[in-house]
Amino acid sequence: MSADSLSQPPRRSEVPKLSRGEHKAHLEARIEQQRIDILVEASRYREASRPIDEGWQTLMRFKVPLMVLGGALLLKSARHPNTLMRVVKRLAAGGLLLRRARRMLL
């Protein structure tokens, strides 16, 4: 059997005739297996997303100080826009220099 045929339910012509109780038991077993599969996948999802959740919690812990710092920087840049532009240009040049150095060394 191929992998596709295992994931699809069998055709009606391929299924032997079952009594009503056997058919119900078969369906209940399939439902129970699907529930188990969902629980396992949910656990794997929570485990895989744990670092993202921890990072988000860290960010939320510093939300207020970051907002205050951003407001102070905004106020300072509104009063002295040339200083902000000079700092942004230097940061951009430094980032480009680091990227080019990393490419040359690696």
N, C-alpha and C. Protein backbone atom coordinates (compact mmCIF):
# COMPACT_ATOMS: atom_id res chain seq x y z
N MET A 1 0.84 -1.19 0.00
CA MET A 1 0.00 0.00 0.00
C MET A 1 0.88 1.25 0.00
N SER A 2 0.42 2.28 -0.66
CA SER A 2 1.17 3.52 -0.67
C SER A 2 0.79 4.35 0.55
N ALA A 3 1.59 5.40 0.79
CA ALA A 3 1.33 6.27 1.95
C ALA A 3 0.01 7.01 1.79
N ASP A 4 -0.37 7.32 0.53
CA ASP A 4 -1.64 8.02 0.30
C ASP A 4 -2.83 7.15 0.66
N SER A 5 -2.73 5.87 0.38
CA SER A 5 -3.88 5.01 0.65
C SER A 5 -4.07 4.77 2.14
N LEU A 6 -3.01 4.97 2.94
CA LEU A 6 -3.14 4.79 4.39
C LEU A 6 -3.86 5.97 5.03
N SER A 7 -3.69 7.16 4.48
CA SER A 7 -4.29 8.34 5.09
C SER A 7 -5.75 8.53 4.66
N GLN A 8 -6.16 7.90 3.57
CA GLN A 8 -7.53 8.05 3.09
C GLN A 8 -8.39 6.91 3.61
N PRO A 9 -9.65 7.20 3.90
CA PRO A 9 -10.55 6.12 4.33
C PRO A 9 -10.78 5.15 3.17
N PRO A 10 -11.00 3.89 3.47
CA PRO A 10 -11.21 2.92 2.40
C PRO A 10 -12.53 3.20 1.68
N ARG A 11 -12.58 2.78 0.43
CA ARG A 11 -13.80 2.96 -0.36
C ARG A 11 -14.88 2.03 0.17
N ARG A 12 -16.10 2.41 -0.09
CA ARG A 12 -17.23 1.62 0.42
C ARG A 12 -17.20 0.20 -0.14
N SER A 13 -16.74 0.05 -1.38
CA SER A 13 -16.72 -1.28 -1.99
C SER A 13 -15.63 -2.16 -1.38
N GLU A 14 -14.60 -1.55 -0.76
CA GLU A 14 -13.49 -2.30 -0.18
C GLU A 14 -13.76 -2.71 1.26
N VAL A 15 -14.71 -2.07 1.91
CA VAL A 15 -15.00 -2.33 3.32
C VAL A 15 -15.93 -3.53 3.42
N PRO A 16 -15.53 -4.53 4.21
CA PRO A 16 -16.45 -5.65 4.38
C PRO A 16 -17.69 -5.18 5.15
N LYS A 17 -18.79 -5.85 4.92
CA LYS A 17 -20.05 -5.47 5.57
C LYS A 17 -19.94 -5.71 7.07
N LEU A 18 -20.10 -4.63 7.86
CA LEU A 18 -20.01 -4.72 9.32
C LEU A 18 -21.41 -4.53 9.90
N SER A 19 -21.56 -5.11 11.06
CA SER A 19 -22.82 -4.87 11.76
C SER A 19 -22.83 -3.43 12.27
N ARG A 20 -23.98 -2.96 12.66
CA ARG A 20 -24.12 -1.58 13.13
C ARG A 20 -23.22 -1.32 14.33
N GLY A 21 -23.18 -2.25 15.27
CA GLY A 21 -22.34 -2.09 16.47
C GLY A 21 -20.86 -2.09 16.13
N GLU A 22 -20.45 -2.97 15.21
CA GLU A 22 -19.04 -3.00 14.82
C GLU A 22 -18.65 -1.72 14.10
N HIS A 23 -19.54 -1.24 13.23
CA HIS A 23 -19.28 0.00 12.51
C HIS A 23 -19.14 1.18 13.49
N LYS A 24 -20.03 1.21 14.47
CA LYS A 24 -19.98 2.28 15.48
C LYS A 24 -18.68 2.19 16.27
N ALA A 25 -18.28 0.99 16.66
CA ALA A 25 -17.03 0.81 17.41
C ALA A 25 -15.84 1.24 16.57
N HIS A 26 -15.87 0.91 15.27
CA HIS A 26 -14.79 1.31 14.37
C HIS A 26 -14.70 2.83 14.28
N LEU A 27 -15.84 3.49 14.12
CA LEU A 27 -15.85 4.96 14.04
C LEU A 27 -15.39 5.60 15.35
N GLU A 28 -15.82 5.04 16.47
CA GLU A 28 -15.39 5.58 17.77
C GLU A 28 -13.90 5.42 17.95
N ALA A 29 -13.35 4.31 17.49
CA ALA A 29 -11.90 4.10 17.59
C ALA A 29 -11.15 5.12 16.73
N ARG A 30 -11.68 5.40 15.54
CA ARG A 30 -11.04 6.40 14.68
C ARG A 30 -11.10 7.78 15.32
N ILE A 31 -12.24 8.12 15.91
CA ILE A 31 -12.37 9.42 16.57
C ILE A 31 -11.41 9.52 17.74
N GLU A 32 -11.30 8.47 18.52
CA GLU A 32 -10.39 8.47 19.67
C GLU A 32 -8.94 8.64 19.20
N GLN A 33 -8.58 7.98 18.11
CA GLN A 33 -7.22 8.11 17.58
C GLN A 33 -6.97 9.53 17.09
N GLN A 34 -7.97 10.13 16.46
CA GLN A 34 -7.83 11.51 16.01
C GLN A 34 -7.66 12.46 17.19
N ARG A 35 -8.38 12.22 18.27
CA ARG A 35 -8.23 13.06 19.47
C ARG A 35 -6.83 12.93 20.04
N ILE A 36 -6.30 11.72 20.07
CA ILE A 36 -4.94 11.50 20.57
C ILE A 36 -3.94 12.23 19.69
N ASP A 37 -4.14 12.12 18.36
CA ASP A 37 -3.24 12.80 17.43
C ASP A 37 -3.27 14.31 17.64
N ILE A 38 -4.45 14.87 17.86
CA ILE A 38 -4.57 16.31 18.09
C ILE A 38 -3.85 16.71 19.37
N LEU A 39 -4.00 15.91 20.43
CA LEU A 39 -3.32 16.22 21.69
C LEU A 39 -1.80 16.18 21.53
N VAL A 40 -1.31 15.20 20.80
CA VAL A 40 0.14 15.08 20.58
C VAL A 40 0.64 16.26 19.77
N GLU A 41 -0.06 16.62 18.71
CA GLU A 41 0.36 17.74 17.87
C GLU A 41 0.27 19.07 18.63
N ALA A 42 -0.73 19.23 19.48
CA ALA A 42 -0.84 20.46 20.27
C ALA A 42 0.34 20.57 21.24
N SER A 43 0.73 19.46 21.82
CA SER A 43 1.88 19.46 22.72
C SER A 43 3.16 19.82 21.96
N ARG A 44 3.33 19.25 20.77
CA ARG A 44 4.51 19.56 19.96
C ARG A 44 4.52 21.03 19.56
N TYR A 45 3.35 21.57 19.23
CA TYR A 45 3.25 22.97 18.85
C TYR A 45 3.63 23.89 20.02
N ARG A 46 3.11 23.56 21.21
CA ARG A 46 3.45 24.38 22.38
C ARG A 46 4.94 24.32 22.67
N GLU A 47 5.54 23.15 22.52
CA GLU A 47 6.97 23.01 22.76
C GLU A 47 7.78 23.79 21.72
N ALA A 48 7.35 23.75 20.47
CA ALA A 48 8.08 24.46 19.41
C ALA A 48 7.94 25.97 19.54
N SER A 49 6.81 26.44 20.03
CA SER A 49 6.59 27.89 20.13
C SER A 49 7.02 28.46 21.48
N ARG A 50 7.54 27.64 22.35
CA ARG A 50 7.95 28.12 23.68
C ARG A 50 8.98 29.25 23.62
N PRO A 51 10.06 29.16 22.79
CA PRO A 51 11.01 30.28 22.75
C PRO A 51 10.38 31.59 22.28
N ILE A 52 9.46 31.50 21.33
CA ILE A 52 8.78 32.71 20.86
C ILE A 52 7.94 33.31 21.97
N ASP A 53 7.23 32.46 22.70
CA ASP A 53 6.40 32.95 23.81
C ASP A 53 7.25 33.58 24.91
N GLU A 54 8.39 32.96 25.20
CA GLU A 54 9.27 33.52 26.23
C GLU A 54 9.83 34.87 25.80
N GLY A 55 10.20 34.98 24.51
CA GLY A 55 10.68 36.26 24.00
C GLY A 55 9.61 37.34 24.07
N TRP A 56 8.37 36.95 23.75
CA TRP A 56 7.27 37.91 23.81
C TRP A 56 7.03 38.36 25.25
N GLN A 57 7.09 37.43 26.19
CA GLN A 57 6.90 37.78 27.60
C GLN A 57 8.01 38.72 28.08
N THR A 58 9.24 38.50 27.63
CA THR A 58 10.34 39.39 27.99
C THR A 58 10.09 40.78 27.43
N LEU A 59 9.66 40.84 26.17
CA LEU A 59 9.37 42.12 25.56
C LEU A 59 8.24 42.85 26.30
N MET A 60 7.22 42.13 26.70
CA MET A 60 6.10 42.74 27.41
C MET A 60 6.52 43.21 28.81
N ARG A 61 7.51 42.54 29.39
CA ARG A 61 7.99 42.95 30.70
C ARG A 61 8.64 44.33 30.63
N PHE A 62 9.29 44.62 29.49
CA PHE A 62 9.98 45.90 29.32
C PHE A 62 9.18 46.88 28.47
N LYS A 63 7.90 46.65 28.33
CA LYS A 63 7.06 47.47 27.47
C LYS A 63 7.03 48.94 27.92
N VAL A 64 6.77 49.17 29.17
CA VAL A 64 6.66 50.55 29.67
C VAL A 64 8.00 51.27 29.59
N PRO A 65 9.11 50.67 30.06
CA PRO A 65 10.39 51.38 29.91
C PRO A 65 10.75 51.66 28.45
N LEU A 66 10.45 50.73 27.55
CA LEU A 66 10.74 50.96 26.13
C LEU A 66 9.90 52.09 25.56
N MET A 67 8.65 52.19 26.00
CA MET A 67 7.79 53.28 25.54
C MET A 67 8.30 54.62 26.06
N VAL A 68 8.73 54.67 27.30
CA VAL A 68 9.26 55.91 27.87
C VAL A 68 10.54 56.31 27.15
N LEU A 69 11.42 55.34 26.89
CA LEU A 69 12.66 55.61 26.18
C LEU A 69 12.37 56.08 24.76
N GLY A 70 11.42 55.45 24.09
CA GLY A 70 11.05 55.87 22.75
C GLY A 70 10.48 57.28 22.73
N GLY A 71 9.68 57.60 23.73
CA GLY A 71 9.13 58.96 23.81
C GLY A 71 10.22 59.99 24.05
N ALA A 72 11.19 59.66 24.90
CA ALA A 72 12.29 60.58 25.16
C ALA A 72 13.13 60.79 23.89
N LEU A 73 13.39 59.71 23.16
CA LEU A 73 14.15 59.83 21.91
C LEU A 73 13.38 60.64 20.87
N LEU A 74 12.08 60.44 20.82
CA LEU A 74 11.26 61.19 19.88
C LEU A 74 11.28 62.68 20.22
N LEU A 75 11.17 62.99 21.50
CA LEU A 75 11.20 64.39 21.92
C LEU A 75 12.55 65.02 21.59
N LYS A 76 13.63 64.29 21.87
CA LYS A 76 14.97 64.81 21.59
C LYS A 76 15.17 65.00 20.09
N SER A 77 14.67 64.04 19.30
CA SER A 77 14.86 64.15 17.85
C SER A 77 14.00 65.27 17.27
N ALA A 78 12.88 65.58 17.88
CA ALA A 78 12.05 66.69 17.41
C ALA A 78 12.74 68.02 17.66
N ARG A 79 13.49 68.09 18.74
CA ARG A 79 14.19 69.34 19.06
C ARG A 79 15.48 69.49 18.27
N HIS A 80 16.16 68.36 17.98
CA HIS A 80 17.44 68.40 17.28
C HIS A 80 17.45 67.33 16.18
N PRO A 81 16.76 67.57 15.06
CA PRO A 81 16.65 66.54 14.02
C PRO A 81 17.98 66.20 13.34
N ASN A 82 18.91 67.16 13.26
CA ASN A 82 20.19 66.88 12.61
C ASN A 82 21.00 65.85 13.38
N THR A 83 20.92 65.91 14.69
CA THR A 83 21.64 64.94 15.51
C THR A 83 21.12 63.54 15.26
N LEU A 84 19.81 63.39 15.16
CA LEU A 84 19.21 62.10 14.90
C LEU A 84 19.64 61.57 13.54
N MET A 85 19.63 62.41 12.53
CA MET A 85 20.04 61.98 11.19
C MET A 85 21.50 61.55 11.18
N ARG A 86 22.34 62.25 11.89
CA ARG A 86 23.76 61.91 11.96
C ARG A 86 23.94 60.54 12.62
N VAL A 87 23.21 60.27 13.69
CA VAL A 87 23.30 58.99 14.38
C VAL A 87 22.78 57.86 13.48
N VAL A 88 21.67 58.09 12.78
CA VAL A 88 21.10 57.08 11.90
C VAL A 88 22.09 56.75 10.77
N LYS A 89 22.71 57.77 10.19
CA LYS A 89 23.68 57.54 9.12
C LYS A 89 24.88 56.74 9.63
N ARG A 90 25.34 57.05 10.82
CA ARG A 90 26.48 56.31 11.38
C ARG A 90 26.12 54.85 11.66
N LEU A 91 24.90 54.63 12.20
CA LEU A 91 24.46 53.26 12.46
C LEU A 91 24.32 52.47 11.15
N ALA A 92 23.79 53.10 10.13
CA ALA A 92 23.64 52.43 8.84
C ALA A 92 25.00 52.10 8.24
N ALA A 93 25.91 53.04 8.29
CA ALA A 93 27.26 52.79 7.76
C ALA A 93 27.95 51.69 8.55
N GLY A 94 27.80 51.69 9.87
CA GLY A 94 28.41 50.64 10.69
C GLY A 94 27.81 49.27 10.38
N GLY A 95 26.50 49.22 10.18
CA GLY A 95 25.86 47.94 9.83
C GLY A 95 26.33 47.42 8.48
N LEU A 96 26.43 48.31 7.50
CA LEU A 96 26.93 47.91 6.18
C LEU A 96 28.37 47.44 6.25
N LEU A 97 29.19 48.14 7.05
CA LEU A 97 30.59 47.76 7.21
C LEU A 97 30.71 46.37 7.85
N LEU A 98 29.91 46.11 8.86
CA LEU A 98 29.94 44.80 9.50
C LEU A 98 29.50 43.70 8.55
N ARG A 99 28.46 43.95 7.77
CA ARG A 99 27.98 42.95 6.82
C ARG A 99 29.04 42.66 5.76
N ARG A 100 29.69 43.69 5.25
CA ARG A 100 30.72 43.49 4.23
C ARG A 100 31.93 42.76 4.82
N ALA A 101 32.29 43.09 6.07
CA ALA A 101 33.42 42.42 6.72
C ALA A 101 33.09 40.94 6.95
N ARG A 102 31.88 40.65 7.33
CA ARG A 102 31.47 39.27 7.57
C ARG A 102 31.52 38.47 6.27
N ARG A 103 31.09 39.08 5.17
CA ARG A 103 31.14 38.40 3.87
C ARG A 103 32.59 38.13 3.44
N MET A 104 33.47 39.09 3.70
CA MET A 104 34.86 38.92 3.28
C MET A 104 35.55 37.85 4.11
N LEU A 105 35.22 37.77 5.38
CA LEU A 105 35.89 36.82 6.27
C LEU A 105 35.34 35.41 6.13
N LEU A 106 34.08 35.29 5.77
CA LEU A 106 33.48 33.96 5.67
C LEU A 106 33.40 33.51 4.28
